[in-house]
Amino acid sequence: MAAKTIPTLHYLDIGRMGRGEVVRLFMRDAGIEFNDVRHPYDDTWPAASEKLKQEGITRTGKVPALLINGVIINQHIPILRYLARDIGRYEGETNYEKFQVDAVSDVYNDWRTQWVASLKGVTDDYRNKFVPQYYNVVAEYYSANNGPYLLGDKITYADFAVYQSIDNDERIGALPSKLPEAVQKFREAFEARPNISAYIDENRPKKA
């Protein structure tokens, strides 16, 4: 019997930022061992991106890309869905639960579009209008099942995306000083998960 191939994740070497980090968090929580290929995000990236296209690792030249089970999959939310279905967890069980996971994933995607635009400079509109509205909508979804996760005590792939939005808003100085109670409750529960807590500790800036 052939040995099982370890998945390989291709993403940019940009620390805890971006879409690939969502996939890393998911695989760490799920206990999935993987090769983590981080491409420098500098003047060498256009050539590296073109090479990945030529190799068939990405059609668009963008990452993340995950090589798993003999196939290559792209786009971070579809990657999370694939992984959830592959291992039979993190997706919800009923049709309505899966709808909620899909709905929050779409809300997150709307957030991400605005967040990427803010990397050029955080506007007052983003910080004071869009971001508070986003977390208020997220809080409504999380409150519906009494948290701490979107589906109550069952974590799903959407939770990893929402956590990344919280973390990345904080990194660009746009996170509200006080999050809605349901969102704060979720953040604390997520960061307390053993594999996530260990990952966060591993990636803390080293003290001088």
N, C-alpha and C. Protein backbone atom coordinates (compact mmCIF):
# COMPACT_ATOMS: atom_id res chain seq x y z
N MET A 1 0.86 -1.19 0.00
CA MET A 1 0.00 0.00 0.00
C MET A 1 0.89 1.24 0.00
N ALA A 2 0.64 2.16 -0.93
CA ALA A 2 1.46 3.37 -1.05
C ALA A 2 1.24 4.28 0.15
N ALA A 3 2.33 4.91 0.57
CA ALA A 3 2.24 5.84 1.69
C ALA A 3 1.41 7.05 1.27
N LYS A 4 0.64 7.58 2.20
CA LYS A 4 -0.20 8.74 1.92
C LYS A 4 0.68 9.97 1.75
N THR A 5 0.45 10.73 0.68
CA THR A 5 1.24 11.92 0.42
C THR A 5 0.78 13.07 1.30
N ILE A 6 1.74 13.77 1.90
CA ILE A 6 1.41 14.91 2.74
C ILE A 6 1.00 16.08 1.85
N PRO A 7 -0.11 16.76 2.14
CA PRO A 7 -0.53 17.91 1.34
C PRO A 7 0.53 19.01 1.34
N THR A 8 0.55 19.80 0.28
CA THR A 8 1.47 20.92 0.17
C THR A 8 0.68 22.20 -0.06
N LEU A 9 0.91 23.18 0.78
CA LEU A 9 0.23 24.47 0.66
C LEU A 9 1.21 25.50 0.11
N HIS A 10 0.81 26.16 -0.96
CA HIS A 10 1.58 27.26 -1.52
C HIS A 10 0.91 28.57 -1.13
N TYR A 11 1.69 29.46 -0.52
CA TYR A 11 1.16 30.80 -0.23
C TYR A 11 2.31 31.78 -0.14
N LEU A 12 1.98 33.04 0.07
CA LEU A 12 2.98 34.10 0.17
C LEU A 12 3.60 34.12 1.55
N ASP A 13 4.83 34.56 1.63
CA ASP A 13 5.53 34.67 2.91
C ASP A 13 5.22 36.04 3.51
N ILE A 14 3.99 36.16 4.05
CA ILE A 14 3.54 37.44 4.61
C ILE A 14 3.06 37.26 6.05
N GLY A 15 3.65 36.31 6.75
CA GLY A 15 3.31 36.12 8.16
C GLY A 15 1.89 35.65 8.37
N ARG A 16 1.19 36.30 9.31
CA ARG A 16 -0.16 35.89 9.68
C ARG A 16 -1.24 36.54 8.82
N MET A 17 -0.86 37.28 7.81
CA MET A 17 -1.83 38.00 7.00
C MET A 17 -2.34 37.12 5.86
N GLY A 18 -3.54 37.46 5.36
CA GLY A 18 -4.00 36.91 4.10
C GLY A 18 -4.76 35.60 4.13
N ARG A 19 -5.13 35.18 2.92
CA ARG A 19 -6.01 34.03 2.73
C ARG A 19 -5.37 32.70 3.09
N GLY A 20 -4.08 32.56 2.78
CA GLY A 20 -3.42 31.30 3.07
C GLY A 20 -3.36 30.99 4.55
N GLU A 21 -3.34 32.03 5.37
CA GLU A 21 -3.29 31.82 6.82
C GLU A 21 -4.55 31.15 7.32
N VAL A 22 -5.69 31.43 6.68
CA VAL A 22 -6.94 30.77 7.06
C VAL A 22 -6.81 29.26 6.88
N VAL A 23 -6.21 28.88 5.77
CA VAL A 23 -6.03 27.44 5.48
C VAL A 23 -5.06 26.82 6.48
N ARG A 24 -3.98 27.55 6.80
CA ARG A 24 -3.03 27.03 7.80
C ARG A 24 -3.71 26.80 9.15
N LEU A 25 -4.48 27.78 9.59
CA LEU A 25 -5.17 27.65 10.88
C LEU A 25 -6.08 26.42 10.88
N PHE A 26 -6.81 26.24 9.79
CA PHE A 26 -7.72 25.10 9.70
C PHE A 26 -6.96 23.79 9.79
N MET A 27 -5.90 23.66 9.02
CA MET A 27 -5.18 22.39 9.01
C MET A 27 -4.48 22.13 10.33
N ARG A 28 -4.00 23.18 10.98
CA ARG A 28 -3.39 22.99 12.30
C ARG A 28 -4.44 22.51 13.30
N ASP A 29 -5.62 23.12 13.28
CA ASP A 29 -6.67 22.73 14.22
C ASP A 29 -7.11 21.29 13.96
N ALA A 30 -7.20 20.92 12.68
CA ALA A 30 -7.66 19.58 12.32
C ALA A 30 -6.59 18.52 12.48
N GLY A 31 -5.35 18.94 12.77
CA GLY A 31 -4.26 17.98 12.92
C GLY A 31 -3.78 17.41 11.60
N ILE A 32 -3.93 18.19 10.52
CA ILE A 32 -3.49 17.75 9.20
C ILE A 32 -2.04 18.19 8.99
N GLU A 33 -1.14 17.25 8.87
CA GLU A 33 0.26 17.57 8.59
C GLU A 33 0.37 18.04 7.14
N PHE A 34 1.16 19.08 6.90
CA PHE A 34 1.29 19.58 5.53
C PHE A 34 2.64 20.26 5.33
N ASN A 35 3.08 20.28 4.07
CA ASN A 35 4.26 21.05 3.69
C ASN A 35 3.84 22.49 3.44
N ASP A 36 4.54 23.41 4.05
CA ASP A 36 4.17 24.83 3.98
C ASP A 36 5.19 25.57 3.11
N VAL A 37 4.84 25.78 1.84
CA VAL A 37 5.73 26.47 0.91
C VAL A 37 5.34 27.95 0.87
N ARG A 38 6.26 28.80 1.34
CA ARG A 38 5.98 30.24 1.40
C ARG A 38 6.85 30.97 0.38
N HIS A 39 6.18 31.60 -0.56
CA HIS A 39 6.88 32.31 -1.63
C HIS A 39 7.13 33.76 -1.23
N PRO A 40 8.36 34.26 -1.39
CA PRO A 40 8.65 35.66 -1.06
C PRO A 40 7.72 36.61 -1.83
N TYR A 41 7.18 37.58 -1.11
CA TYR A 41 6.31 38.56 -1.77
C TYR A 41 7.13 39.82 -2.02
N ASP A 42 7.97 39.75 -3.04
CA ASP A 42 8.85 40.86 -3.39
C ASP A 42 8.93 40.93 -4.91
N ASP A 43 10.00 41.51 -5.43
CA ASP A 43 10.08 41.66 -6.88
C ASP A 43 10.27 40.33 -7.62
N THR A 44 10.48 39.23 -6.86
CA THR A 44 10.59 37.92 -7.50
C THR A 44 9.22 37.25 -7.67
N TRP A 45 8.18 37.80 -7.03
CA TRP A 45 6.89 37.13 -7.03
C TRP A 45 6.25 37.05 -8.42
N PRO A 46 6.28 38.10 -9.27
CA PRO A 46 5.66 37.95 -10.59
C PRO A 46 6.21 36.76 -11.38
N ALA A 47 7.52 36.56 -11.33
CA ALA A 47 8.11 35.42 -12.04
C ALA A 47 7.70 34.10 -11.39
N ALA A 48 7.68 34.08 -10.06
CA ALA A 48 7.27 32.87 -9.35
C ALA A 48 5.80 32.55 -9.63
N SER A 49 4.97 33.58 -9.69
CA SER A 49 3.56 33.40 -9.99
C SER A 49 3.37 32.81 -11.38
N GLU A 50 4.12 33.32 -12.34
CA GLU A 50 4.02 32.81 -13.70
C GLU A 50 4.48 31.35 -13.76
N LYS A 51 5.51 31.02 -13.01
CA LYS A 51 5.99 29.64 -12.97
C LYS A 51 4.94 28.70 -12.39
N LEU A 52 4.25 29.14 -11.34
CA LEU A 52 3.18 28.33 -10.75
C LEU A 52 2.06 28.10 -11.75
N LYS A 53 1.77 29.11 -12.59
CA LYS A 53 0.76 28.95 -13.62
C LYS A 53 1.21 27.91 -14.64
N GLN A 54 2.46 28.00 -15.06
CA GLN A 54 2.99 27.07 -16.05
C GLN A 54 3.00 25.64 -15.52
N GLU A 55 3.21 25.50 -14.22
CA GLU A 55 3.24 24.17 -13.60
C GLU A 55 1.84 23.64 -13.30
N GLY A 56 0.83 24.46 -13.56
CA GLY A 56 -0.54 24.03 -13.33
C GLY A 56 -0.98 24.08 -11.89
N ILE A 57 -0.21 24.77 -11.05
CA ILE A 57 -0.54 24.85 -9.63
C ILE A 57 -1.60 25.91 -9.37
N THR A 58 -1.67 26.92 -10.24
CA THR A 58 -2.71 27.93 -10.13
C THR A 58 -3.07 28.43 -11.53
N ARG A 59 -4.35 28.56 -11.81
CA ARG A 59 -4.78 29.08 -13.12
C ARG A 59 -4.65 30.59 -13.18
N THR A 60 -4.81 31.24 -12.06
CA THR A 60 -4.86 32.70 -12.04
C THR A 60 -3.52 33.35 -11.71
N GLY A 61 -2.57 32.54 -11.24
CA GLY A 61 -1.31 33.11 -10.77
C GLY A 61 -1.37 33.54 -9.33
N LYS A 62 -2.54 33.35 -8.71
CA LYS A 62 -2.71 33.73 -7.31
C LYS A 62 -2.68 32.49 -6.42
N VAL A 63 -2.37 32.69 -5.17
CA VAL A 63 -2.37 31.64 -4.17
C VAL A 63 -3.30 32.08 -3.02
N PRO A 64 -3.78 31.14 -2.18
CA PRO A 64 -3.24 29.81 -1.91
C PRO A 64 -3.61 28.77 -2.96
N ALA A 65 -2.76 27.76 -3.00
CA ALA A 65 -3.01 26.56 -3.78
C ALA A 65 -2.63 25.38 -2.91
N LEU A 66 -3.48 24.36 -2.89
CA LEU A 66 -3.23 23.19 -2.07
C LEU A 66 -3.18 21.95 -2.94
N LEU A 67 -2.06 21.23 -2.84
CA LEU A 67 -1.90 19.96 -3.55
C LEU A 67 -2.25 18.85 -2.56
N ILE A 68 -3.35 18.13 -2.84
CA ILE A 68 -3.84 17.14 -1.89
C ILE A 68 -4.59 16.04 -2.63
N ASN A 69 -4.41 14.82 -2.19
CA ASN A 69 -5.14 13.68 -2.76
C ASN A 69 -4.98 13.59 -4.27
N GLY A 70 -3.82 14.00 -4.77
CA GLY A 70 -3.56 13.90 -6.20
C GLY A 70 -4.19 14.98 -7.05
N VAL A 71 -4.79 16.00 -6.40
CA VAL A 71 -5.39 17.10 -7.15
C VAL A 71 -4.85 18.42 -6.61
N ILE A 72 -5.06 19.48 -7.39
CA ILE A 72 -4.67 20.83 -6.98
C ILE A 72 -5.94 21.65 -6.83
N ILE A 73 -6.12 22.29 -5.68
CA ILE A 73 -7.30 23.11 -5.46
C ILE A 73 -6.88 24.51 -5.06
N ASN A 74 -7.69 25.48 -5.47
CA ASN A 74 -7.39 26.88 -5.25
C ASN A 74 -8.58 27.59 -4.61
N GLN A 75 -8.36 28.86 -4.24
CA GLN A 75 -9.37 29.72 -3.60
C GLN A 75 -9.60 29.25 -2.16
N HIS A 76 -9.35 30.14 -1.21
CA HIS A 76 -9.25 29.68 0.18
C HIS A 76 -10.55 29.16 0.78
N ILE A 77 -11.69 29.76 0.48
CA ILE A 77 -12.94 29.23 1.03
C ILE A 77 -13.30 27.89 0.40
N PRO A 78 -13.22 27.72 -0.92
CA PRO A 78 -13.43 26.38 -1.48
C PRO A 78 -12.43 25.34 -0.95
N ILE A 79 -11.19 25.76 -0.67
CA ILE A 79 -10.22 24.84 -0.06
C ILE A 79 -10.73 24.37 1.30
N LEU A 80 -11.24 25.31 2.10
CA LEU A 80 -11.75 24.94 3.42
C LEU A 80 -12.94 23.98 3.29
N ARG A 81 -13.81 24.25 2.33
CA ARG A 81 -14.96 23.36 2.13
C ARG A 81 -14.48 21.96 1.73
N TYR A 82 -13.51 21.91 0.84
CA TYR A 82 -12.97 20.61 0.40
C TYR A 82 -12.42 19.85 1.59
N LEU A 83 -11.61 20.52 2.40
CA LEU A 83 -11.00 19.86 3.56
C LEU A 83 -12.06 19.39 4.54
N ALA A 84 -13.07 20.23 4.78
CA ALA A 84 -14.14 19.86 5.71
C ALA A 84 -14.87 18.61 5.23
N ARG A 85 -15.15 18.56 3.94
CA ARG A 85 -15.85 17.39 3.39
C ARG A 85 -14.94 16.17 3.35
N ASP A 86 -13.66 16.41 3.13
CA ASP A 86 -12.72 15.30 3.05
C ASP A 86 -12.58 14.57 4.38
N ILE A 87 -12.61 15.34 5.48
CA ILE A 87 -12.43 14.71 6.79
C ILE A 87 -13.76 14.52 7.53
N GLY A 88 -14.85 15.01 6.94
CA GLY A 88 -16.18 14.78 7.53
C GLY A 88 -16.45 15.60 8.78
N ARG A 89 -15.82 16.77 8.87
CA ARG A 89 -16.06 17.67 10.01
C ARG A 89 -16.00 19.12 9.53
N TYR A 90 -16.40 20.03 10.41
CA TYR A 90 -16.24 21.47 10.19
C TYR A 90 -17.20 22.08 9.16
N GLU A 91 -18.27 21.38 8.79
CA GLU A 91 -19.15 21.92 7.75
C GLU A 91 -20.58 22.10 8.21
N GLY A 92 -20.94 21.55 9.36
CA GLY A 92 -22.35 21.50 9.74
C GLY A 92 -22.95 20.20 9.27
N GLU A 93 -24.07 19.85 9.84
CA GLU A 93 -24.69 18.56 9.53
C GLU A 93 -25.98 18.70 8.73
N THR A 94 -26.88 19.55 9.16
CA THR A 94 -28.15 19.72 8.45
C THR A 94 -28.00 20.71 7.31
N ASN A 95 -28.97 20.71 6.42
CA ASN A 95 -28.95 21.65 5.31
C ASN A 95 -28.94 23.09 5.82
N TYR A 96 -29.71 23.36 6.89
CA TYR A 96 -29.77 24.72 7.43
C TYR A 96 -28.44 25.11 8.08
N GLU A 97 -27.81 24.19 8.76
CA GLU A 97 -26.49 24.49 9.32
C GLU A 97 -25.49 24.83 8.22
N LYS A 98 -25.53 24.08 7.14
CA LYS A 98 -24.60 24.34 6.04
C LYS A 98 -24.91 25.67 5.38
N PHE A 99 -26.19 26.03 5.33
CA PHE A 99 -26.56 27.35 4.82
C PHE A 99 -25.93 28.46 5.66
N GLN A 100 -26.01 28.32 6.98
CA GLN A 100 -25.44 29.35 7.86
C GLN A 100 -23.94 29.49 7.64
N VAL A 101 -23.27 28.36 7.48
CA VAL A 101 -21.82 28.38 7.23
C VAL A 101 -21.53 29.08 5.91
N ASP A 102 -22.30 28.76 4.87
CA ASP A 102 -22.11 29.40 3.57
C ASP A 102 -22.40 30.90 3.65
N ALA A 103 -23.47 31.27 4.36
CA ALA A 103 -23.86 32.67 4.45
C ALA A 103 -22.78 33.51 5.13
N VAL A 104 -22.24 33.01 6.25
CA VAL A 104 -21.20 33.76 6.95
C VAL A 104 -19.92 33.81 6.12
N SER A 105 -19.66 32.75 5.37
CA SER A 105 -18.50 32.77 4.47
C SER A 105 -18.65 33.87 3.43
N ASP A 106 -19.86 34.09 2.94
CA ASP A 106 -20.10 35.16 1.97
C ASP A 106 -19.94 36.53 2.62
N VAL A 107 -20.42 36.66 3.85
CA VAL A 107 -20.25 37.92 4.59
C VAL A 107 -18.76 38.21 4.77
N TYR A 108 -18.00 37.17 5.10
CA TYR A 108 -16.55 37.31 5.24
C TYR A 108 -15.91 37.73 3.93
N ASN A 109 -16.34 37.14 2.81
CA ASN A 109 -15.76 37.51 1.52
C ASN A 109 -15.99 38.98 1.20
N ASP A 110 -17.18 39.50 1.56
CA ASP A 110 -17.45 40.93 1.38
C ASP A 110 -16.48 41.75 2.23
N TRP A 111 -16.25 41.29 3.46
CA TRP A 111 -15.28 41.98 4.33
C TRP A 111 -13.91 41.98 3.68
N ARG A 112 -13.49 40.85 3.16
CA ARG A 112 -12.14 40.73 2.65
C ARG A 112 -11.88 41.68 1.48
N THR A 113 -12.88 41.85 0.63
CA THR A 113 -12.72 42.78 -0.49
C THR A 113 -12.39 44.18 0.01
N GLN A 114 -13.10 44.60 1.04
CA GLN A 114 -12.87 45.94 1.61
C GLN A 114 -11.54 46.00 2.37
N TRP A 115 -11.19 44.92 3.02
CA TRP A 115 -9.94 44.88 3.77
C TRP A 115 -8.73 45.00 2.85
N VAL A 116 -8.75 44.28 1.74
CA VAL A 116 -7.64 44.34 0.78
C VAL A 116 -7.47 45.77 0.28
N ALA A 117 -8.59 46.44 -0.01
CA ALA A 117 -8.51 47.83 -0.48
C ALA A 117 -7.90 48.73 0.58
N SER A 118 -8.09 48.36 1.85
CA SER A 118 -7.59 49.19 2.96
C SER A 118 -6.10 49.01 3.22
N LEU A 119 -5.48 48.03 2.58
CA LEU A 119 -4.04 47.84 2.77
C LEU A 119 -3.24 49.02 2.23
N LYS A 120 -3.84 49.78 1.31
CA LYS A 120 -3.18 50.97 0.78
C LYS A 120 -3.32 52.15 1.75
N GLY A 121 -4.15 51.99 2.74
CA GLY A 121 -4.38 53.05 3.72
C GLY A 121 -5.78 52.91 4.28
N VAL A 122 -5.91 52.77 5.60
CA VAL A 122 -7.21 52.58 6.23
C VAL A 122 -7.97 53.89 6.21
N THR A 123 -9.13 53.88 5.58
CA THR A 123 -9.95 55.08 5.52
C THR A 123 -10.85 55.18 6.74
N ASP A 124 -11.32 56.38 7.01
CA ASP A 124 -12.27 56.58 8.12
C ASP A 124 -13.55 55.80 7.86
N ASP A 125 -13.95 55.73 6.59
CA ASP A 125 -15.17 55.02 6.24
C ASP A 125 -15.03 53.54 6.55
N TYR A 126 -13.86 52.96 6.23
CA TYR A 126 -13.65 51.55 6.53
C TYR A 126 -13.63 51.31 8.04
N ARG A 127 -12.84 52.10 8.75
CA ARG A 127 -12.67 51.89 10.19
C ARG A 127 -13.94 52.19 10.99
N ASN A 128 -14.62 53.26 10.66
CA ASN A 128 -15.71 53.73 11.50
C ASN A 128 -17.10 53.34 11.03
N LYS A 129 -17.21 52.90 9.78
CA LYS A 129 -18.52 52.52 9.26
C LYS A 129 -18.59 51.06 8.84
N PHE A 130 -17.73 50.68 7.89
CA PHE A 130 -17.81 49.32 7.36
C PHE A 130 -17.49 48.27 8.41
N VAL A 131 -16.36 48.43 9.11
CA VAL A 131 -15.93 47.40 10.07
C VAL A 131 -16.95 47.19 11.19
N PRO A 132 -17.44 48.25 11.86
CA PRO A 132 -18.45 48.01 12.90
C PRO A 132 -19.70 47.31 12.36
N GLN A 133 -20.14 47.69 11.15
CA GLN A 133 -21.31 47.03 10.56
C GLN A 133 -21.04 45.55 10.32
N TYR A 134 -19.84 45.26 9.84
CA TYR A 134 -19.47 43.85 9.59
C TYR A 134 -19.54 43.03 10.87
N TYR A 135 -18.93 43.51 11.95
CA TYR A 135 -18.92 42.72 13.18
C TYR A 135 -20.30 42.65 13.82
N ASN A 136 -21.13 43.65 13.60
CA ASN A 136 -22.51 43.58 14.11
C ASN A 136 -23.30 42.50 13.39
N VAL A 137 -23.08 42.37 12.06
CA VAL A 137 -23.76 41.32 11.30
C VAL A 137 -23.25 39.94 11.74
N VAL A 138 -21.93 39.81 11.89
CA VAL A 138 -21.36 38.55 12.37
C VAL A 138 -21.95 38.19 13.74
N ALA A 139 -22.06 39.18 14.61
CA ALA A 139 -22.59 38.94 15.95
C ALA A 139 -24.02 38.41 15.91
N GLU A 140 -24.81 38.89 14.95
CA GLU A 140 -26.19 38.40 14.84
C GLU A 140 -26.20 36.91 14.51
N TYR A 141 -25.35 36.51 13.59
CA TYR A 141 -25.27 35.08 13.25
C TYR A 141 -24.80 34.25 14.43
N TYR A 142 -23.78 34.73 15.13
CA TYR A 142 -23.22 33.96 16.24
C TYR A 142 -24.14 33.92 17.44
N SER A 143 -24.93 34.96 17.62
CA SER A 143 -25.86 34.98 18.74
C SER A 143 -27.03 34.02 18.53
N ALA A 144 -27.34 33.73 17.27
CA ALA A 144 -28.50 32.90 16.97
C ALA A 144 -28.39 31.50 17.54
N ASN A 145 -27.16 30.99 17.66
CA ASN A 145 -26.95 29.64 18.19
C ASN A 145 -26.23 29.64 19.54
N ASN A 146 -26.20 30.81 20.16
CA ASN A 146 -25.64 30.97 21.51
C ASN A 146 -24.15 30.71 21.62
N GLY A 147 -23.44 30.66 20.48
CA GLY A 147 -21.99 30.59 20.48
C GLY A 147 -21.39 29.46 21.32
N PRO A 148 -20.08 29.46 21.50
CA PRO A 148 -19.18 30.51 21.07
C PRO A 148 -18.90 30.51 19.56
N TYR A 149 -19.16 29.37 18.89
CA TYR A 149 -18.92 29.28 17.46
C TYR A 149 -20.20 29.58 16.70
N LEU A 150 -20.08 29.66 15.39
CA LEU A 150 -21.25 29.97 14.58
C LEU A 150 -22.39 28.99 14.84
N LEU A 151 -22.07 27.71 14.94
CA LEU A 151 -23.09 26.68 15.17
C LEU A 151 -23.11 26.24 16.63
N GLY A 152 -22.95 27.18 17.53
CA GLY A 152 -22.98 26.85 18.95
C GLY A 152 -21.66 26.28 19.40
N ASP A 153 -21.66 25.01 19.82
CA ASP A 153 -20.42 24.41 20.31
C ASP A 153 -19.68 23.63 19.22
N LYS A 154 -20.18 23.69 17.96
CA LYS A 154 -19.55 22.98 16.85
C LYS A 154 -18.80 23.98 15.97
N ILE A 155 -17.49 23.82 15.87
CA ILE A 155 -16.70 24.72 15.04
C ILE A 155 -16.84 24.32 13.57
N THR A 156 -16.83 25.31 12.69
CA THR A 156 -16.92 25.06 11.25
C THR A 156 -15.85 25.88 10.53
N TYR A 157 -15.70 25.61 9.24
CA TYR A 157 -14.67 26.33 8.49
C TYR A 157 -14.93 27.82 8.44
N ALA A 158 -16.19 28.25 8.54
CA ALA A 158 -16.48 29.69 8.54
C ALA A 158 -15.86 30.39 9.75
N ASP A 159 -15.74 29.68 10.86
CA ASP A 159 -15.15 30.27 12.06
C ASP A 159 -13.69 30.66 11.82
N PHE A 160 -12.99 29.91 11.01
CA PHE A 160 -11.58 30.21 10.74
C PHE A 160 -11.48 31.49 9.92
N ALA A 161 -12.41 31.67 8.98
CA ALA A 161 -12.41 32.89 8.18
C ALA A 161 -12.74 34.10 9.05
N VAL A 162 -13.75 33.97 9.89
CA VAL A 162 -14.12 35.09 10.76
C VAL A 162 -12.98 35.45 11.71
N TYR A 163 -12.32 34.44 12.24
CA TYR A 163 -11.18 34.74 13.12
C TYR A 163 -10.10 35.50 12.37
N GLN A 164 -9.85 35.10 11.13
CA GLN A 164 -8.82 35.78 10.35
C GLN A 164 -9.19 37.24 10.13
N SER A 165 -10.47 37.53 9.95
CA SER A 165 -10.88 38.92 9.77
C SER A 165 -10.60 39.73 11.03
N ILE A 166 -10.87 39.15 12.19
CA ILE A 166 -10.59 39.84 13.45
C ILE A 166 -9.10 40.10 13.59
N ASP A 167 -8.31 39.06 13.38
CA ASP A 167 -6.86 39.17 13.53
C ASP A 167 -6.27 40.18 12.55
N ASN A 168 -6.72 40.12 11.29
CA ASN A 168 -6.14 41.00 10.27
C ASN A 168 -6.61 42.44 10.41
N ASP A 169 -7.83 42.66 10.87
CA ASP A 169 -8.26 44.03 11.15
C ASP A 169 -7.41 44.63 12.28
N GLU A 170 -7.11 43.80 13.27
CA GLU A 170 -6.26 44.27 14.36
C GLU A 170 -4.87 44.63 13.86
N ARG A 171 -4.36 43.87 12.91
CA ARG A 171 -3.01 44.09 12.41
C ARG A 171 -2.88 45.37 11.57
N ILE A 172 -3.98 45.85 11.00
CA ILE A 172 -3.92 47.11 10.26
C ILE A 172 -4.50 48.27 11.06
N GLY A 173 -4.78 48.03 12.33
CA GLY A 173 -5.26 49.10 13.20
C GLY A 173 -6.70 49.51 12.97
N ALA A 174 -7.52 48.57 12.47
CA ALA A 174 -8.91 48.91 12.17
C ALA A 174 -9.92 48.19 13.06
N LEU A 175 -9.45 47.36 13.98
CA LEU A 175 -10.38 46.61 14.83
C LEU A 175 -11.01 47.53 15.86
N PRO A 176 -12.34 47.47 16.03
CA PRO A 176 -12.98 48.31 17.05
C PRO A 176 -12.40 48.03 18.44
N SER A 177 -12.35 49.05 19.28
CA SER A 177 -11.81 48.89 20.63
C SER A 177 -12.65 47.93 21.44
N LYS A 178 -13.93 47.80 21.08
CA LYS A 178 -14.81 46.87 21.78
C LYS A 178 -15.63 46.11 20.74
N LEU A 179 -15.42 44.81 20.68
CA LEU A 179 -16.19 43.97 19.76
C LEU A 179 -17.54 43.62 20.37
N PRO A 180 -18.54 43.32 19.54
CA PRO A 180 -19.80 42.80 20.08
C PRO A 180 -19.53 41.59 20.96
N GLU A 181 -20.33 41.41 21.99
CA GLU A 181 -20.09 40.35 22.97
C GLU A 181 -19.97 38.98 22.33
N ALA A 182 -20.84 38.68 21.37
CA ALA A 182 -20.81 37.35 20.74
C ALA A 182 -19.51 37.14 19.96
N VAL A 183 -18.99 38.19 19.34
CA VAL A 183 -17.76 38.08 18.57
C VAL A 183 -16.56 37.94 19.50
N GLN A 184 -16.55 38.69 20.60
CA GLN A 184 -15.47 38.57 21.57
C GLN A 184 -15.46 37.18 22.22
N LYS A 185 -16.64 36.68 22.52
CA LYS A 185 -16.77 35.34 23.10
C LYS A 185 -16.20 34.30 22.15
N PHE A 186 -16.52 34.46 20.86
CA PHE A 186 -15.98 33.55 19.85
C PHE A 186 -14.46 33.64 19.80
N ARG A 187 -13.93 34.85 19.75
CA ARG A 187 -12.48 35.02 19.63
C ARG A 187 -11.76 34.32 20.78
N GLU A 188 -12.24 34.50 21.97
CA GLU A 188 -11.60 33.89 23.14
C GLU A 188 -11.66 32.37 23.07
N ALA A 189 -12.80 31.83 22.66
CA ALA A 189 -12.93 30.37 22.56
C ALA A 189 -12.03 29.82 21.46
N PHE A 190 -11.96 30.52 20.34
CA PHE A 190 -11.14 30.07 19.22
C PHE A 190 -9.66 30.04 19.61
N GLU A 191 -9.19 31.11 20.23
CA GLU A 191 -7.77 31.19 20.59
C GLU A 191 -7.40 30.23 21.71
N ALA A 192 -8.41 29.70 22.41
CA ALA A 192 -8.15 28.74 23.49
C ALA A 192 -8.08 27.30 22.98
N ARG A 193 -8.45 27.06 21.74
CA ARG A 193 -8.36 25.71 21.20
C ARG A 193 -6.90 25.26 21.21
N PRO A 194 -6.60 24.07 21.71
CA PRO A 194 -5.20 23.67 21.94
C PRO A 194 -4.27 23.86 20.75
N ASN A 195 -4.66 23.37 19.58
CA ASN A 195 -3.77 23.49 18.42
C ASN A 195 -3.64 24.93 17.94
N ILE A 196 -4.70 25.71 18.08
CA ILE A 196 -4.65 27.12 17.69
C ILE A 196 -3.79 27.90 18.67
N SER A 197 -3.97 27.64 19.95
CA SER A 197 -3.18 28.32 20.98
C SER A 197 -1.69 28.05 20.77
N ALA A 198 -1.36 26.80 20.46
CA ALA A 198 0.05 26.45 20.22
C ALA A 198 0.58 27.16 18.99
N TYR A 199 -0.24 27.24 17.95
CA TYR A 199 0.19 27.91 16.72
C TYR A 199 0.42 29.40 16.96
N ILE A 200 -0.47 30.04 17.70
CA ILE A 200 -0.31 31.46 18.02
C ILE A 200 0.97 31.68 18.81
N ASP A 201 1.23 30.82 19.78
CA ASP A 201 2.45 30.95 20.58
C ASP A 201 3.70 30.80 19.71
N GLU A 202 3.65 29.87 18.77
CA GLU A 202 4.80 29.64 17.89
C GLU A 202 5.10 30.87 17.03
N ASN A 203 4.07 31.64 16.72
CA ASN A 203 4.22 32.75 15.78
C ASN A 203 4.23 34.13 16.45
N ARG A 204 4.36 34.15 17.77
CA ARG A 204 4.51 35.44 18.44
C ARG A 204 5.86 36.02 18.11
N PRO A 205 5.94 37.35 17.97
CA PRO A 205 7.25 37.97 17.72
C PRO A 205 8.22 37.64 18.83
N LYS A 206 9.43 37.27 18.44
CA LYS A 206 10.46 36.93 19.42
C LYS A 206 10.94 38.19 20.16
N LYS A 207 11.07 38.06 21.48
CA LYS A 207 11.55 39.20 22.28
C LYS A 207 13.05 39.40 22.04
N ALA A 208 13.44 40.65 22.01
CA ALA A 208 14.86 40.97 21.80
C ALA A 208 15.67 40.56 23.00
